[in-house]
């Protein structure tokens, strides 16, 4: 993801609850890296479990994606 692309999407991503004192814990992965992972999945048509090892573990990537999907921020890859 280019810097320009990141600048256009970072402000629409859901803000984690922990900075506002609403529970939870700090996120362990960068949102930009998660978007790159979802883009890789969609571009290459791979399954979550078959993602390259450069990305975080697939359950974490899927959890981010599901949260964004539920917030109506992502189209479901099919």
N, C-alpha and C. Protein backbone atom coordinates (compact mmCIF):
# COMPACT_ATOMS: atom_id res chain seq x y z
N UNK A 1 0.85 -1.17 0.00
CA UNK A 1 0.00 0.00 0.00
C UNK A 1 0.90 1.22 0.00
N UNK A 2 0.63 2.11 -0.91
CA UNK A 2 1.43 3.33 -0.98
C UNK A 2 1.04 4.28 0.16
N UNK A 3 1.90 5.26 0.40
CA UNK A 3 1.62 6.25 1.45
C UNK A 3 0.35 7.03 1.13
N UNK A 4 0.13 7.34 -0.14
CA UNK A 4 -1.09 8.07 -0.52
C UNK A 4 -2.34 7.24 -0.28
N UNK A 5 -2.28 5.96 -0.63
CA UNK A 5 -3.42 5.08 -0.38
C UNK A 5 -3.71 4.97 1.12
N UNK A 6 -2.65 4.81 1.91
CA UNK A 6 -2.82 4.71 3.35
C UNK A 6 -3.43 5.99 3.92
N UNK A 7 -2.98 7.14 3.45
CA UNK A 7 -3.51 8.41 3.94
C UNK A 7 -5.00 8.54 3.65
N UNK A 8 -5.46 7.94 2.56
CA UNK A 8 -6.88 8.07 2.20
C UNK A 8 -7.78 7.12 2.98
N UNK A 9 -7.23 6.05 3.57
CA UNK A 9 -8.08 5.10 4.29
C UNK A 9 -7.90 5.09 5.80
N UNK A 10 -6.80 5.56 6.31
CA UNK A 10 -6.53 5.39 7.75
C UNK A 10 -7.55 6.07 8.64
N UNK A 11 -8.12 7.17 8.20
CA UNK A 11 -9.06 7.89 9.04
C UNK A 11 -10.46 7.28 9.07
N UNK A 12 -10.75 6.36 8.16
CA UNK A 12 -12.08 5.74 8.17
C UNK A 12 -12.10 4.40 8.90
N UNK A 13 -10.94 3.91 9.32
CA UNK A 13 -10.88 2.65 10.05
C UNK A 13 -11.40 2.84 11.47
N UNK A 14 -12.03 1.82 12.03
CA UNK A 14 -12.51 1.94 13.41
C UNK A 14 -11.36 2.17 14.37
N UNK A 15 -11.58 3.03 15.32
CA UNK A 15 -10.58 3.32 16.34
C UNK A 15 -10.67 2.25 17.42
N UNK A 16 -9.52 1.70 17.84
CA UNK A 16 -9.57 0.71 18.91
C UNK A 16 -10.20 1.31 20.17
N UNK A 17 -10.82 0.45 20.99
CA UNK A 17 -11.50 0.94 22.17
C UNK A 17 -10.56 1.27 23.32
N UNK A 18 -9.40 0.65 23.38
CA UNK A 18 -8.54 0.82 24.54
C UNK A 18 -8.00 2.23 24.75
N UNK A 19 -7.70 3.04 23.69
CA UNK A 19 -7.19 4.39 23.99
C UNK A 19 -8.21 5.27 24.73
N UNK A 20 -9.49 4.99 24.53
CA UNK A 20 -10.52 5.80 25.17
C UNK A 20 -10.91 5.23 26.53
N UNK A 21 -10.19 4.22 27.01
CA UNK A 21 -10.48 3.63 28.30
C UNK A 21 -11.74 2.78 28.32
N UNK A 22 -12.12 2.25 27.15
CA UNK A 22 -13.34 1.46 27.06
C UNK A 22 -13.07 -0.04 27.03
N UNK A 23 -11.95 -0.45 27.57
CA UNK A 23 -11.65 -1.88 27.64
C UNK A 23 -10.81 -2.36 26.48
N UNK A 24 -10.48 -3.61 26.54
CA UNK A 24 -9.65 -4.20 25.52
C UNK A 24 -8.19 -3.96 25.79
N UNK A 25 -7.37 -4.44 24.89
CA UNK A 25 -5.93 -4.25 25.03
C UNK A 25 -5.38 -3.69 23.74
N UNK A 26 -4.19 -3.13 23.79
CA UNK A 26 -3.60 -2.58 22.56
C UNK A 26 -3.51 -3.64 21.47
N UNK A 27 -3.73 -3.20 20.26
CA UNK A 27 -3.65 -4.13 19.14
C UNK A 27 -2.19 -4.45 18.84
N UNK A 28 -1.95 -5.68 18.49
CA UNK A 28 -0.59 -6.13 18.27
C UNK A 28 -0.09 -5.97 16.84
N UNK A 29 -0.98 -5.54 15.93
CA UNK A 29 -0.59 -5.45 14.53
C UNK A 29 -1.04 -4.11 13.95
N UNK A 30 -0.27 -3.65 13.02
CA UNK A 30 -0.53 -2.38 12.34
C UNK A 30 -1.72 -2.54 11.38
N UNK A 31 -2.61 -1.57 11.39
CA UNK A 31 -3.76 -1.61 10.48
C UNK A 31 -3.32 -1.62 9.02
N UNK A 32 -2.27 -0.90 8.73
CA UNK A 32 -1.78 -0.86 7.34
C UNK A 32 -1.35 -2.25 6.89
N UNK A 33 -0.68 -2.99 7.76
CA UNK A 33 -0.27 -4.34 7.43
C UNK A 33 -1.48 -5.25 7.23
N UNK A 34 -2.52 -5.04 8.01
CA UNK A 34 -3.73 -5.84 7.87
C UNK A 34 -4.43 -5.56 6.54
N UNK A 35 -4.46 -4.31 6.14
CA UNK A 35 -5.06 -3.97 4.84
C UNK A 35 -4.24 -4.61 3.72
N UNK A 36 -2.92 -4.58 3.84
CA UNK A 36 -2.08 -5.23 2.84
C UNK A 36 -2.39 -6.73 2.77
N UNK A 37 -2.64 -7.34 3.90
CA UNK A 37 -2.96 -8.78 3.92
C UNK A 37 -4.28 -9.06 3.22
N UNK A 38 -5.29 -8.26 3.50
CA UNK A 38 -6.60 -8.45 2.85
C UNK A 38 -6.47 -8.22 1.34
N UNK A 39 -5.72 -7.22 0.96
CA UNK A 39 -5.50 -6.97 -0.48
C UNK A 39 -4.80 -8.15 -1.14
N UNK A 40 -3.82 -8.73 -0.45
CA UNK A 40 -3.12 -9.91 -0.97
C UNK A 40 -4.10 -11.07 -1.15
N UNK A 41 -4.94 -11.27 -0.18
CA UNK A 41 -5.93 -12.34 -0.22
C UNK A 41 -6.85 -12.16 -1.43
N UNK A 42 -7.35 -10.96 -1.61
CA UNK A 42 -8.29 -10.69 -2.71
C UNK A 42 -7.57 -10.76 -4.06
N UNK A 43 -6.39 -10.17 -4.16
CA UNK A 43 -5.66 -10.17 -5.43
C UNK A 43 -5.25 -11.56 -5.89
N UNK A 44 -4.85 -12.41 -4.93
CA UNK A 44 -4.31 -13.72 -5.28
C UNK A 44 -5.28 -14.86 -5.14
N UNK A 45 -6.45 -14.59 -4.55
CA UNK A 45 -7.46 -15.62 -4.41
C UNK A 45 -7.06 -16.76 -3.49
N UNK A 46 -6.19 -16.49 -2.53
CA UNK A 46 -5.78 -17.54 -1.60
C UNK A 46 -6.75 -17.61 -0.42
N UNK A 47 -6.66 -18.67 0.33
CA UNK A 47 -7.47 -18.81 1.53
C UNK A 47 -6.72 -18.20 2.71
N UNK A 48 -7.47 -17.85 3.77
CA UNK A 48 -6.86 -17.23 4.94
C UNK A 48 -5.69 -18.07 5.46
N UNK A 49 -5.87 -19.38 5.55
CA UNK A 49 -4.84 -20.25 6.12
C UNK A 49 -3.62 -20.38 5.22
N UNK A 50 -3.73 -19.98 3.97
CA UNK A 50 -2.63 -20.12 3.02
C UNK A 50 -1.90 -18.79 2.77
N UNK A 51 -2.13 -17.81 3.62
CA UNK A 51 -1.48 -16.51 3.43
C UNK A 51 0.03 -16.64 3.64
N UNK A 52 0.81 -15.84 2.93
CA UNK A 52 2.26 -15.88 3.11
C UNK A 52 2.66 -15.59 4.56
N UNK A 53 3.78 -16.12 4.95
CA UNK A 53 4.22 -15.98 6.34
C UNK A 53 4.71 -14.58 6.68
N UNK A 54 4.83 -13.69 5.68
CA UNK A 54 5.23 -12.30 5.97
C UNK A 54 4.13 -11.55 6.73
N UNK A 55 2.92 -12.07 6.65
CA UNK A 55 1.80 -11.42 7.30
C UNK A 55 1.58 -12.01 8.70
N UNK A 56 0.82 -11.33 9.53
CA UNK A 56 0.50 -11.88 10.86
C UNK A 56 -0.26 -13.20 10.72
N UNK A 57 -0.41 -13.93 11.82
CA UNK A 57 -1.15 -15.20 11.77
C UNK A 57 -2.56 -15.00 11.21
N UNK A 58 -3.02 -15.97 10.42
CA UNK A 58 -4.30 -15.80 9.72
C UNK A 58 -5.47 -15.53 10.66
N UNK A 59 -5.54 -16.12 11.86
CA UNK A 59 -6.70 -15.80 12.71
C UNK A 59 -6.76 -14.31 13.10
N UNK A 60 -5.60 -13.70 13.29
CA UNK A 60 -5.58 -12.27 13.61
C UNK A 60 -6.00 -11.44 12.40
N UNK A 61 -5.52 -11.83 11.22
CA UNK A 61 -5.91 -11.10 10.01
C UNK A 61 -7.41 -11.20 9.80
N UNK A 62 -7.95 -12.41 9.97
CA UNK A 62 -9.38 -12.60 9.78
C UNK A 62 -10.19 -11.81 10.81
N UNK A 63 -9.71 -11.76 12.04
CA UNK A 63 -10.42 -11.02 13.09
C UNK A 63 -10.49 -9.53 12.74
N UNK A 64 -9.39 -8.97 12.25
CA UNK A 64 -9.41 -7.57 11.81
C UNK A 64 -10.40 -7.40 10.67
N UNK A 65 -10.31 -8.28 9.67
CA UNK A 65 -11.20 -8.19 8.52
C UNK A 65 -12.66 -8.28 8.95
N UNK A 66 -12.98 -9.22 9.83
CA UNK A 66 -14.36 -9.41 10.27
C UNK A 66 -14.87 -8.17 11.00
N UNK A 67 -14.01 -7.56 11.81
CA UNK A 67 -14.42 -6.34 12.52
C UNK A 67 -14.70 -5.22 11.52
N UNK A 68 -13.83 -5.08 10.53
CA UNK A 68 -14.05 -4.04 9.52
C UNK A 68 -15.28 -4.35 8.67
N UNK A 69 -15.46 -5.63 8.33
CA UNK A 69 -16.64 -6.02 7.55
C UNK A 69 -17.92 -5.70 8.33
N UNK A 70 -17.92 -6.04 9.60
CA UNK A 70 -19.10 -5.80 10.42
C UNK A 70 -19.38 -4.30 10.60
N UNK A 71 -18.33 -3.50 10.46
CA UNK A 71 -18.51 -2.04 10.53
C UNK A 71 -18.79 -1.47 9.14
N UNK A 72 -19.05 -2.36 8.16
CA UNK A 72 -19.36 -1.99 6.78
C UNK A 72 -18.22 -1.25 6.10
N UNK A 73 -16.98 -1.64 6.40
CA UNK A 73 -15.82 -1.00 5.78
C UNK A 73 -15.19 -1.84 4.67
N UNK A 74 -15.59 -3.11 4.57
CA UNK A 74 -14.94 -3.97 3.58
C UNK A 74 -16.00 -4.82 2.88
N UNK A 75 -15.75 -5.06 1.62
CA UNK A 75 -16.60 -6.00 0.88
C UNK A 75 -16.11 -7.40 1.18
N UNK A 76 -17.01 -8.34 1.29
CA UNK A 76 -16.63 -9.71 1.59
C UNK A 76 -16.02 -10.33 0.36
N UNK A 77 -14.76 -10.80 0.46
CA UNK A 77 -14.17 -11.45 -0.73
C UNK A 77 -14.86 -12.77 -0.99
N UNK A 78 -15.10 -13.06 -2.22
CA UNK A 78 -15.79 -14.29 -2.49
C UNK A 78 -15.20 -14.99 -3.61
